Protein backbone atom coordinates (compact mmCIF):
# COMPACT_ATOMS: atom_id res chain seq x y z
CA UNK A 1 -11.66 -45.75 8.02
CA UNK A 2 -11.69 -41.95 7.83
CA UNK A 3 -10.69 -40.10 10.98
CA UNK A 4 -13.71 -38.79 12.87
CA UNK A 5 -14.21 -35.06 12.45
CA UNK A 6 -14.03 -32.94 15.58
CA UNK A 7 -17.51 -31.70 14.70
CA UNK A 8 -18.79 -35.10 13.50
CA UNK A 9 -20.84 -36.29 16.47
CA UNK A 10 -24.18 -36.21 14.66
CA UNK A 11 -22.86 -37.48 11.32
CA UNK A 12 -23.13 -41.16 10.37
CA UNK A 13 -21.25 -40.99 7.08
CA UNK A 14 -17.87 -39.61 6.10
CA UNK A 15 -17.40 -36.50 3.95
CA UNK A 16 -17.14 -37.26 0.24
CA UNK A 17 -13.56 -37.11 -1.01
CA UNK A 18 -14.43 -34.47 -3.62
CA UNK A 19 -16.14 -32.36 -0.95
CA UNK A 20 -13.13 -32.75 1.34
CA UNK A 21 -10.82 -31.44 -1.38
CA UNK A 22 -13.26 -28.69 -2.32
CA UNK A 23 -13.78 -27.39 1.20
CA UNK A 24 -10.33 -27.62 2.78
CA UNK A 25 -8.52 -24.37 3.51
CA UNK A 26 -5.38 -25.62 5.21
CA UNK A 27 -3.50 -25.37 1.91
CA UNK A 28 -3.51 -21.59 2.35
CA UNK A 29 -4.68 -20.72 5.86
CA UNK A 30 -1.70 -22.54 7.36
CA UNK A 31 -0.12 -19.10 7.02
CA UNK A 32 -2.13 -18.08 10.08
CA UNK A 33 -0.40 -20.67 12.29
CA UNK A 34 1.58 -18.14 14.36
CA UNK A 35 -1.49 -16.01 15.03
CA UNK A 36 -3.59 -19.09 15.80
CA UNK A 37 -1.07 -20.28 18.37
CA UNK A 38 -0.65 -16.80 19.82
CA UNK A 39 -4.40 -16.40 20.18
CA UNK A 40 -4.85 -19.86 21.66
CA UNK A 41 -2.14 -19.28 24.25
CA UNK A 42 -3.76 -16.02 25.32
CA UNK A 43 -7.13 -17.79 25.46
CA UNK A 44 -5.65 -20.55 27.65
CA UNK A 45 -4.12 -18.04 30.06
CA UNK A 46 -7.42 -16.21 30.44
CA UNK A 47 -9.34 -19.50 30.85
CA UNK A 48 -7.02 -20.14 33.81
CA UNK A 49 -7.74 -16.67 35.21
CA UNK A 50 -11.47 -17.41 34.91
CA UNK A 51 -11.12 -20.80 36.64
CA UNK A 52 -11.83 -23.05 33.65
CA UNK A 53 -8.26 -24.32 33.69
CA UNK A 54 -5.72 -24.66 36.45
CA UNK A 55 -2.54 -22.67 36.14
CA UNK A 56 -0.64 -25.88 35.45
CA UNK A 57 -3.07 -26.90 32.71
CA UNK A 58 -2.68 -23.51 31.00
CA UNK A 59 1.11 -23.85 31.13
CA UNK A 60 0.95 -27.37 29.63
CA UNK A 61 -1.33 -26.15 26.83
CA UNK A 62 0.95 -23.20 26.06
CA UNK A 63 4.02 -25.43 26.06
CA UNK A 64 2.28 -27.93 23.80
CA UNK A 65 1.39 -25.13 21.39
CA UNK A 66 5.01 -23.97 21.42
CA UNK A 67 6.05 -27.51 20.47
CA UNK A 68 3.55 -27.53 17.59
CA UNK A 69 4.86 -24.16 16.44
CA UNK A 70 8.44 -25.43 16.50
CA UNK A 71 7.40 -28.40 14.37
CA UNK A 72 5.68 -26.11 11.86
CA UNK A 73 8.69 -23.83 11.59
CA UNK A 74 11.12 -26.71 11.24
CA UNK A 75 8.98 -28.33 8.53
CA UNK A 76 8.22 -31.45 10.61
CA UNK A 77 4.53 -30.67 11.14
CA UNK A 78 2.21 -32.88 9.08
CA UNK A 79 -0.69 -30.84 7.71
CA UNK A 80 -3.79 -32.96 7.15
CA UNK A 81 -6.41 -31.80 4.68
CA UNK A 82 -9.02 -33.96 6.37
CA UNK A 83 -8.61 -31.65 9.38
CA UNK A 84 -9.89 -28.90 7.07
CA UNK A 85 -8.06 -25.85 8.37
CA UNK A 86 -5.14 -24.49 10.36
CA UNK A 87 -7.16 -24.38 13.59
CA UNK A 88 -8.21 -28.03 13.59
CA UNK A 89 -4.74 -29.16 12.54
CA UNK A 90 -3.08 -27.37 15.43
CA UNK A 91 -5.67 -28.42 18.00
CA UNK A 92 -5.42 -32.04 16.85
CA UNK A 93 -1.63 -31.98 17.13
CA UNK A 94 -1.86 -30.31 20.53
CA UNK A 95 -4.04 -33.17 21.75
CA UNK A 96 -1.53 -35.68 20.40
CA UNK A 97 1.24 -33.90 22.33
CA UNK A 98 -0.46 -33.30 25.69
CA UNK A 99 -3.39 -35.74 25.63
CA UNK A 100 -7.10 -35.08 26.35
CA UNK A 101 -6.23 -31.77 28.06
CA UNK A 102 -5.92 -30.33 24.54
CA UNK A 103 -9.69 -30.69 24.18
CA UNK A 104 -10.25 -28.15 26.95
CA UNK A 105 -8.71 -25.34 24.91
CA UNK A 106 -11.87 -24.84 22.87
CA UNK A 107 -13.96 -24.02 25.95
CA UNK A 108 -15.95 -20.79 25.42
CA UNK A 109 -14.64 -20.50 21.85
CA UNK A 110 -15.90 -21.26 18.36
CA UNK A 111 -13.95 -21.49 15.15
CA UNK A 112 -15.99 -18.46 14.10
CA UNK A 113 -14.50 -16.08 16.65
CA UNK A 114 -11.18 -17.94 16.56
CA UNK A 115 -10.63 -17.39 12.82
CA UNK A 116 -11.76 -13.78 13.13
CA UNK A 117 -9.09 -13.22 15.78
CA UNK A 118 -6.36 -15.04 13.86
CA UNK A 119 -7.07 -13.11 10.68
CA UNK A 120 -7.20 -9.77 12.49
CA UNK A 121 -3.83 -10.44 14.13
CA UNK A 122 -2.35 -11.43 10.77
CA UNK A 123 -3.71 -8.41 8.92
CA UNK A 124 -2.49 -6.11 11.69
CA UNK A 125 1.04 -7.54 11.48
CA UNK A 126 1.14 -7.17 7.71
CA UNK A 127 -0.20 -3.62 7.77
CA UNK A 128 2.54 -2.73 10.24
CA UNK A 129 5.04 -3.93 7.61
CA UNK A 130 3.32 -1.78 4.96
CA UNK A 131 3.76 1.19 7.28
CA UNK A 132 7.48 0.51 7.65
CA UNK A 133 7.97 0.19 3.91
CA UNK A 134 5.95 3.32 3.16
CA UNK A 135 8.19 5.26 5.56
CA UNK A 136 11.31 3.81 3.91
CA UNK A 137 9.98 4.73 0.47
CA UNK A 138 9.17 8.32 1.44
CA UNK A 139 12.67 8.59 2.89
CA UNK A 140 14.17 7.64 -0.50
CA UNK A 141 11.95 10.13 -2.32
CA UNK A 142 12.97 12.94 0.02
CA UNK A 143 16.67 12.11 -0.42
CA UNK A 144 16.37 12.13 -4.22
CA UNK A 145 14.35 15.36 -4.10
CA UNK A 146 17.11 17.04 -2.10
CA UNK A 147 19.61 16.07 -4.80
CA UNK A 148 17.49 17.66 -7.52
CA UNK A 149 16.21 20.93 -6.11
CA UNK A 150 17.85 22.79 -9.03
CA UNK A 151 16.90 20.30 -11.75
CA UNK A 152 14.10 21.53 -14.01
CA UNK A 153 11.76 19.46 -16.14
CA UNK A 154 8.48 20.14 -17.93
CA UNK A 155 5.46 19.89 -15.68
CA UNK A 156 2.56 18.53 -17.73
CA UNK A 157 -1.19 18.71 -17.88
CA UNK A 158 -3.01 16.43 -20.35
CA UNK A 159 0.48 14.88 -20.75
CA UNK A 160 1.46 18.02 -22.66
CA UNK A 161 4.31 20.32 -21.54
CA UNK A 162 2.76 23.07 -19.43
CA UNK A 163 5.12 24.88 -17.07
CA UNK A 164 8.64 24.27 -15.77
CA UNK A 165 8.89 22.70 -12.32
CA UNK A 166 11.74 21.35 -10.27
CA UNK A 167 12.30 17.61 -10.27
CA UNK A 168 12.30 17.88 -6.48
CA UNK A 169 8.77 19.28 -6.54
CA UNK A 170 7.66 16.48 -8.87
CA UNK A 171 9.10 13.77 -6.60
CA UNK A 172 7.70 15.39 -3.48
CA UNK A 173 4.20 15.09 -4.95
CA UNK A 174 4.59 11.31 -4.63
CA UNK A 175 5.70 11.75 -1.03
CA UNK A 176 2.32 13.28 -0.28
CA UNK A 177 0.56 10.30 -1.87
CA UNK A 178 2.54 7.77 0.13
CA UNK A 179 2.19 9.81 3.31
CA UNK A 180 -1.58 9.69 2.88
CA UNK A 181 -1.32 5.95 2.28
CA UNK A 182 0.52 5.61 5.59
CA UNK A 183 -2.18 7.66 7.32
CA UNK A 184 -4.89 5.46 5.83
CA UNK A 185 -3.14 2.28 6.98
CA UNK A 186 -2.71 3.76 10.45
CA UNK A 187 -6.41 4.60 10.59
CA UNK A 188 -7.35 1.17 9.24
CA UNK A 189 -5.40 -0.49 12.06
CA UNK A 190 -7.81 1.02 14.58
CA UNK A 191 -10.55 -1.15 13.07
CA UNK A 192 -8.33 -4.20 12.56
CA UNK A 193 -7.10 -4.35 16.16
CA UNK A 194 -10.46 -5.35 17.64
CA UNK A 195 -10.89 -8.45 19.82
CA UNK A 196 -13.67 -10.80 18.54
CA UNK A 197 -12.83 -13.72 20.85
CA UNK A 198 -15.67 -14.27 23.30
CA UNK A 199 -18.36 -13.86 20.66
CA UNK A 200 -18.21 -17.66 20.20
CA UNK A 201 -20.28 -18.92 17.26
CA UNK A 202 -22.53 -15.85 17.02
CA UNK A 203 -24.52 -15.29 20.21
CA UNK A 204 -21.81 -15.10 22.85
CA UNK A 205 -21.29 -17.80 25.45
CA UNK A 206 -22.74 -18.85 28.79
CA UNK A 207 -19.23 -19.02 30.24
CA UNK A 208 -17.97 -15.88 32.00
CA UNK A 209 -15.26 -15.05 29.46
CA UNK A 210 -13.10 -11.95 29.62
CA UNK A 211 -12.42 -10.57 26.12
CA UNK A 212 -10.73 -7.52 27.60
CA UNK A 213 -8.13 -9.69 29.31
CA UNK A 214 -7.41 -11.58 26.07
CA UNK A 215 -7.14 -8.26 24.23
CA UNK A 216 -4.67 -6.95 26.80
CA UNK A 217 -2.66 -10.16 26.59
CA UNK A 218 -2.40 -9.81 22.79
CA UNK A 219 -1.93 -6.05 22.69
CA UNK A 220 -5.26 -5.51 20.92
CA UNK A 221 -6.81 -2.09 21.42
CA UNK A 222 -10.59 -2.66 21.36
CA UNK A 223 -13.10 -5.43 22.03
CA UNK A 224 -16.25 -6.30 20.12
CA UNK A 225 -19.58 -4.73 21.07
CA UNK A 226 -21.94 -7.08 19.20
CA UNK A 227 -21.21 -10.80 18.97
CA UNK A 228 -22.99 -11.24 15.63
CA UNK A 229 -20.95 -8.44 14.09
CA UNK A 230 -17.76 -9.78 15.68
CA UNK A 231 -17.86 -13.10 13.81
CA UNK A 232 -19.20 -11.77 10.49
CA UNK A 233 -17.32 -8.47 10.11
CA UNK A 234 -14.76 -8.46 7.32
CA UNK A 235 -14.76 -4.70 6.79
CA UNK A 236 -11.21 -4.68 8.14
CA UNK A 237 -10.05 -6.92 5.28
CA UNK A 238 -11.86 -4.83 2.68
CA UNK A 239 -10.36 -1.66 4.08
CA UNK A 240 -6.87 -3.15 4.19
CA UNK A 241 -7.07 -4.34 0.58
CA UNK A 242 -8.52 -0.98 -0.48
CA UNK A 243 -5.51 0.70 1.14
CA UNK A 244 -3.28 -1.76 -0.68
CA UNK A 245 -5.05 -0.99 -3.96
CA UNK A 246 -4.45 2.71 -3.50
CA UNK A 247 -0.79 2.15 -2.60
CA UNK A 248 -0.40 0.12 -5.79
CA UNK A 249 -2.22 2.78 -7.81
CA UNK A 250 0.26 5.39 -6.60
CA UNK A 251 3.19 3.10 -7.32
CA UNK A 252 1.77 2.40 -10.76
CA UNK A 253 1.57 6.10 -11.57
CA UNK A 254 5.26 6.48 -10.78
CA UNK A 255 6.01 3.34 -12.80
CA UNK A 256 4.23 4.84 -15.79
CA UNK A 257 6.36 7.97 -15.56
CA UNK A 258 9.59 6.01 -15.22
CA UNK A 259 8.64 3.90 -18.25
CA UNK A 260 8.05 7.07 -20.28
CA UNK A 261 11.13 8.85 -18.95
CA UNK A 262 13.36 5.84 -19.73
CA UNK A 263 12.33 5.89 -23.38
CA UNK A 264 15.26 7.45 -25.31
CA UNK A 265 12.83 9.92 -26.90
CA UNK A 266 12.60 11.40 -23.41
CA UNK A 267 15.83 10.16 -21.86
CA UNK A 268 15.09 11.67 -18.45
CA UNK A 269 16.30 8.58 -16.57
CA UNK A 270 18.72 5.69 -16.98
CA UNK A 271 17.45 2.48 -15.48
CA UNK A 272 19.63 0.57 -13.01
CA UNK A 273 20.67 -2.83 -14.37
CA UNK A 274 19.27 -4.57 -11.27
CA UNK A 275 15.73 -3.45 -12.12
CA UNK A 276 15.72 -3.86 -15.91
CA UNK A 277 16.00 -6.69 -18.42
CA UNK A 278 17.22 -7.10 -21.98
CA UNK A 279 15.74 -8.46 -25.17
CA UNK A 280 16.38 -11.95 -26.50
CA UNK A 281 16.76 -10.57 -30.02
CA UNK A 282 17.55 -6.84 -29.77
CA UNK A 283 20.90 -6.31 -28.00
CA UNK A 284 20.38 -2.56 -27.48
CA UNK A 285 17.20 -2.95 -25.42
CA UNK A 286 16.95 -2.13 -21.72
CA UNK A 287 13.40 -2.83 -20.68
CA UNK A 288 11.73 -1.34 -17.57
CA UNK A 289 10.34 -4.71 -16.48
CA UNK A 290 10.15 -3.89 -12.77
CA UNK A 291 7.89 -0.93 -13.54
CA UNK A 292 5.82 -2.83 -16.08
CA UNK A 293 5.27 -5.73 -13.69
CA UNK A 294 4.33 -3.37 -10.87
CA UNK A 295 1.92 -1.54 -13.14
CA UNK A 296 0.39 -4.89 -14.11
CA UNK A 297 0.23 -6.26 -10.58
CA UNK A 298 -1.79 -3.21 -9.56
CA UNK A 299 -4.71 -4.78 -11.42
CA UNK A 300 -4.19 -7.95 -9.43
CA UNK A 301 -4.59 -6.13 -6.10
CA UNK A 302 -7.58 -4.13 -7.32
CA UNK A 303 -9.04 -7.46 -8.50
CA UNK A 304 -8.66 -8.85 -4.98
CA UNK A 305 -10.62 -5.88 -3.66
CA UNK A 306 -13.39 -6.41 -6.20
CA UNK A 307 -13.52 -10.12 -5.37
CA UNK A 308 -13.90 -9.39 -1.66
CA UNK A 309 -16.64 -6.85 -2.26
CA UNK A 310 -18.59 -9.36 -4.33
CA UNK A 311 -17.93 -12.08 -1.74
CA UNK A 312 -19.45 -10.02 1.06
CA UNK A 313 -22.24 -8.16 -0.67
CA UNK A 314 -24.91 -10.86 -0.33
CA UNK A 315 -24.05 -12.59 2.95
CA UNK A 316 -26.76 -12.84 5.61
CA UNK A 317 -25.80 -12.73 9.27
CA UNK A 318 -23.57 -14.12 10.65
CA UNK A 319 -20.68 -16.46 9.80
CA UNK A 320 -21.04 -18.18 6.44
CA UNK A 321 -18.55 -20.59 4.89
CA UNK A 322 -18.16 -18.12 2.02
CA UNK A 323 -15.87 -16.23 4.40
CA UNK A 324 -13.25 -18.93 3.93
CA UNK A 325 -12.63 -17.14 0.62
CA UNK A 326 -11.48 -13.92 2.33
CA UNK A 327 -7.96 -15.17 3.11
CA UNK A 328 -6.37 -15.75 -0.28
CA UNK A 329 -7.23 -12.31 -1.71
CA UNK A 330 -5.55 -10.65 1.26
CA UNK A 331 -2.55 -13.00 1.21
CA UNK A 332 -2.04 -12.28 -2.47
CA UNK A 333 -2.55 -8.52 -2.11
CA UNK A 334 -0.15 -8.38 0.83
CA UNK A 335 2.52 -10.29 -1.06
CA UNK A 336 2.24 -7.85 -3.96
CA UNK A 337 2.05 -4.64 -1.92
CA UNK A 338 4.91 -5.57 0.42
CA UNK A 339 7.21 -6.58 -2.42
CA UNK A 340 6.30 -3.60 -4.61
CA UNK A 341 7.06 -1.06 -1.90
CA UNK A 342 10.47 -2.59 -1.32
CA UNK A 343 11.27 -2.81 -5.03
CA UNK A 344 10.27 0.78 -5.73
CA UNK A 345 12.49 2.01 -2.88
CA UNK A 346 15.43 -0.03 -4.16
CA UNK A 347 14.97 1.08 -7.75
CA UNK A 348 14.48 4.76 -6.89
CA UNK A 349 17.71 4.78 -4.88
CA UNK A 350 19.67 3.65 -7.92
CA UNK A 351 17.86 5.28 -10.82
CA UNK A 352 19.93 7.91 -12.62
CA UNK A 353 18.17 11.14 -13.47
CA UNK A 354 19.49 13.05 -16.50
CA UNK A 355 19.12 16.80 -15.81
CA UNK A 356 20.58 17.75 -19.20
CA UNK A 357 17.84 15.96 -21.13
CA UNK A 358 15.19 17.48 -18.90
CA UNK A 359 16.64 20.96 -19.48
CA UNK A 360 16.56 20.43 -23.25
CA UNK A 361 12.85 19.63 -23.23
CA UNK A 362 12.06 22.54 -20.92
CA UNK A 363 13.23 24.81 -23.74
CA UNK A 364 10.78 23.19 -26.14
CA UNK A 365 7.06 23.73 -25.97
CA UNK A 366 6.97 27.38 -24.81
CA UNK A 367 6.79 26.51 -21.11
CA UNK A 368 7.39 30.19 -20.27
CA UNK A 369 4.25 31.36 -22.05
CA UNK A 370 2.36 31.70 -18.77
CA UNK A 371 5.19 33.89 -17.50
CA UNK A 372 4.64 36.33 -20.39
CA UNK A 373 0.89 36.35 -19.77
CA UNK A 374 1.42 36.99 -16.04
CA UNK A 375 3.98 39.71 -16.89
CA UNK A 376 1.42 41.50 -19.06
CA UNK A 377 -1.29 41.10 -16.43
CA UNK A 378 1.05 42.69 -13.88
CA UNK A 379 1.26 45.68 -16.26
CA UNK A 380 -2.48 46.17 -15.91
CA UNK A 381 -3.64 44.29 -19.00
CA UNK A 382 -6.67 42.07 -18.27
CA UNK A 383 -5.48 38.47 -18.07
CA UNK A 384 -7.78 37.28 -20.87
CA UNK A 385 -6.29 39.89 -23.17
CA UNK A 386 -2.79 39.05 -21.96
CA UNK A 387 -3.56 35.41 -22.77
CA UNK A 388 -4.47 36.29 -26.38
CA UNK A 389 -1.38 38.49 -26.79
CA UNK A 390 0.84 35.69 -25.53
CA UNK A 391 -0.87 33.17 -27.80
CA UNK A 392 -0.12 35.36 -30.80
CA UNK A 393 3.51 35.69 -29.70
CA UNK A 394 3.78 31.91 -29.34
CA UNK A 395 2.36 31.40 -32.85
CA UNK A 396 4.95 33.85 -34.22
CA UNK A 397 7.80 32.15 -32.35
CA UNK A 398 6.69 28.71 -33.47
CA UNK A 399 6.49 29.83 -37.09
CA UNK A 400 10.03 31.18 -36.85
CA UNK A 401 11.45 28.18 -35.01
CA UNK A 402 12.49 30.09 -31.87
CA UNK A 403 11.50 30.24 -28.23
CA UNK A 404 9.83 33.25 -26.63
CA UNK A 405 13.08 33.96 -24.79
CA UNK A 406 14.94 34.02 -28.13
CA UNK A 407 12.75 36.69 -29.72
CA UNK A 408 14.03 40.23 -29.94
CA UNK A 409 12.44 42.99 -27.95
CA UNK A 410 11.19 44.53 -31.20
CA UNK A 411 9.49 41.26 -32.16
CA UNK A 412 7.82 41.02 -28.78
CA UNK A 413 6.72 44.65 -28.78
CA UNK A 414 4.74 44.15 -31.98
CA UNK A 415 2.27 42.25 -29.81
CA UNK A 416 2.18 44.77 -26.94
CA UNK A 417 3.86 48.08 -26.27
CA UNK A 418 3.79 47.19 -22.58
CA UNK A 419 6.66 44.77 -23.08
CA UNK A 420 10.06 46.12 -22.00
CA UNK A 421 13.62 44.81 -21.48
CA UNK A 422 12.68 43.36 -18.11
CA UNK A 423 10.59 40.71 -19.87
CA UNK A 424 13.69 38.59 -20.50
CA UNK A 425 14.23 38.17 -16.75
CA UNK A 426 10.69 36.86 -16.55
CA UNK A 427 11.09 34.49 -19.50
CA UNK A 428 14.10 32.74 -17.93
CA UNK A 429 13.02 29.19 -17.01
CA UNK A 430 14.75 29.07 -13.65
CA UNK A 431 13.24 32.44 -12.81
CA UNK A 432 9.84 31.03 -13.75
CA UNK A 433 10.29 28.31 -11.13
CA UNK A 434 11.80 30.62 -8.51
CA UNK A 435 8.90 33.06 -8.87
CA UNK A 436 6.38 30.39 -7.85
CA UNK A 437 6.39 31.47 -4.21
CA UNK A 438 2.75 30.65 -3.47
CA UNK A 439 2.16 28.01 -0.77
CA UNK A 440 2.74 24.53 -2.16
CA UNK A 441 4.28 25.85 -5.37
CA UNK A 442 7.42 24.69 -7.13
CA UNK A 443 9.53 27.59 -5.87
CA UNK A 444 12.66 26.86 -3.79
CA UNK A 445 11.18 28.04 -0.50
CA UNK A 446 8.16 25.80 -0.91
CA UNK A 447 10.35 22.83 -1.81
CA UNK A 448 12.51 23.36 1.28
CA UNK A 449 9.36 23.70 3.38
CA UNK A 450 8.02 20.42 1.97
CA UNK A 451 11.30 18.59 2.57
CA UNK A 452 11.57 19.87 6.14
CA UNK A 453 7.98 18.86 6.84
CA UNK A 454 8.52 15.39 5.48
CA UNK A 455 11.73 14.95 7.44
CA UNK A 456 9.86 15.83 10.63
CA UNK A 457 7.17 13.35 9.70
CA UNK A 458 9.75 10.65 9.02
CA UNK A 459 11.42 11.29 12.36
CA UNK A 460 8.08 10.98 14.15
CA UNK A 461 7.41 7.62 12.47
CA UNK A 462 10.69 6.02 13.51
């Protein structure tokens, strides 16, 4: 005889076995056990404050929930799929531990507002971990940037060599991305940390509940305003997974660059053994698997976001069972984002940059052409004309297999009589970087300013 469902009072027949397997969520939502117990204990304490429970009853319920939690964490808890979800499993076990008193816990509460609370608490905890790992990652970037303030490499547009920049400046660009990611997560948390408990199934409850007291007990900032919205809102999950998608997108961009830089044709970096693999047939290979996997897993997180958007786009008010499908996309995205942030920080600490190879490629591709054009413009030549003059000089240098800086003064002067000996100071690659003194540029003062600003930000986050 199948065990009677907690909601089965009006049902004469048992759930079909195939439907039971199809509809259960305990196989994945068990991960919410800590938040479910935390929320239930806060609910019990406030029920006592409101007079629905005695103080002793609330204590017994909380102790019983602690016993259930200990069983879960020791592996002794028996999860039952016929109980459908984490909430019913824990409530059923609580009743086994403390008797019929366990049935009082659900007073003034529905699974609809209960699951909304549990999931919000879980998402908030995981986003806090993302914040910590984003801070740790930025810290690594800043440290590596400080090491390479004098290292030059080609800055590219259209993936073509454009102008020389410092490696520090290049790395600090990623710091800005991850700093924005941290800011987005921080802002998202304002909308995650909202108390839905007290909304009950959808319309509120006749019992004089106190959502503010539960919120204070759990350290939640806000309480719901509309009970229908409280049980149906999953914007917070969408926003969290969007933030995760953007974090992964930024990580993937860096992965792409590391993959390119590790190719011997570039040779800008040497991969640490701990974050690379070999080939089963080619002994010389050192493959950037960590970066390739991270680049690939980015699609997985973006896919979770797309799945959630499609899940929610056609739902009528209020709670619908479709919302059971909101957990796994977040669980999967969180697993990927959390791990990826930690792996990137570990890999970036150990990666070996090769300044010599970067310097070699700076000297190829006429990266100082803009310097010559700016030099001529400073002499009073209209920039468009200076651009054409420089283009002609580049064509001449390319035909003769030399760089602009290697041309003689006489060769340069055939393109403009405004060119003098001082042009060679301008064509020096380090000088080209040092002269970029505009705000946010690659010049040394700007790089120091960026590093100092990021250090202050890091200090404020710790």
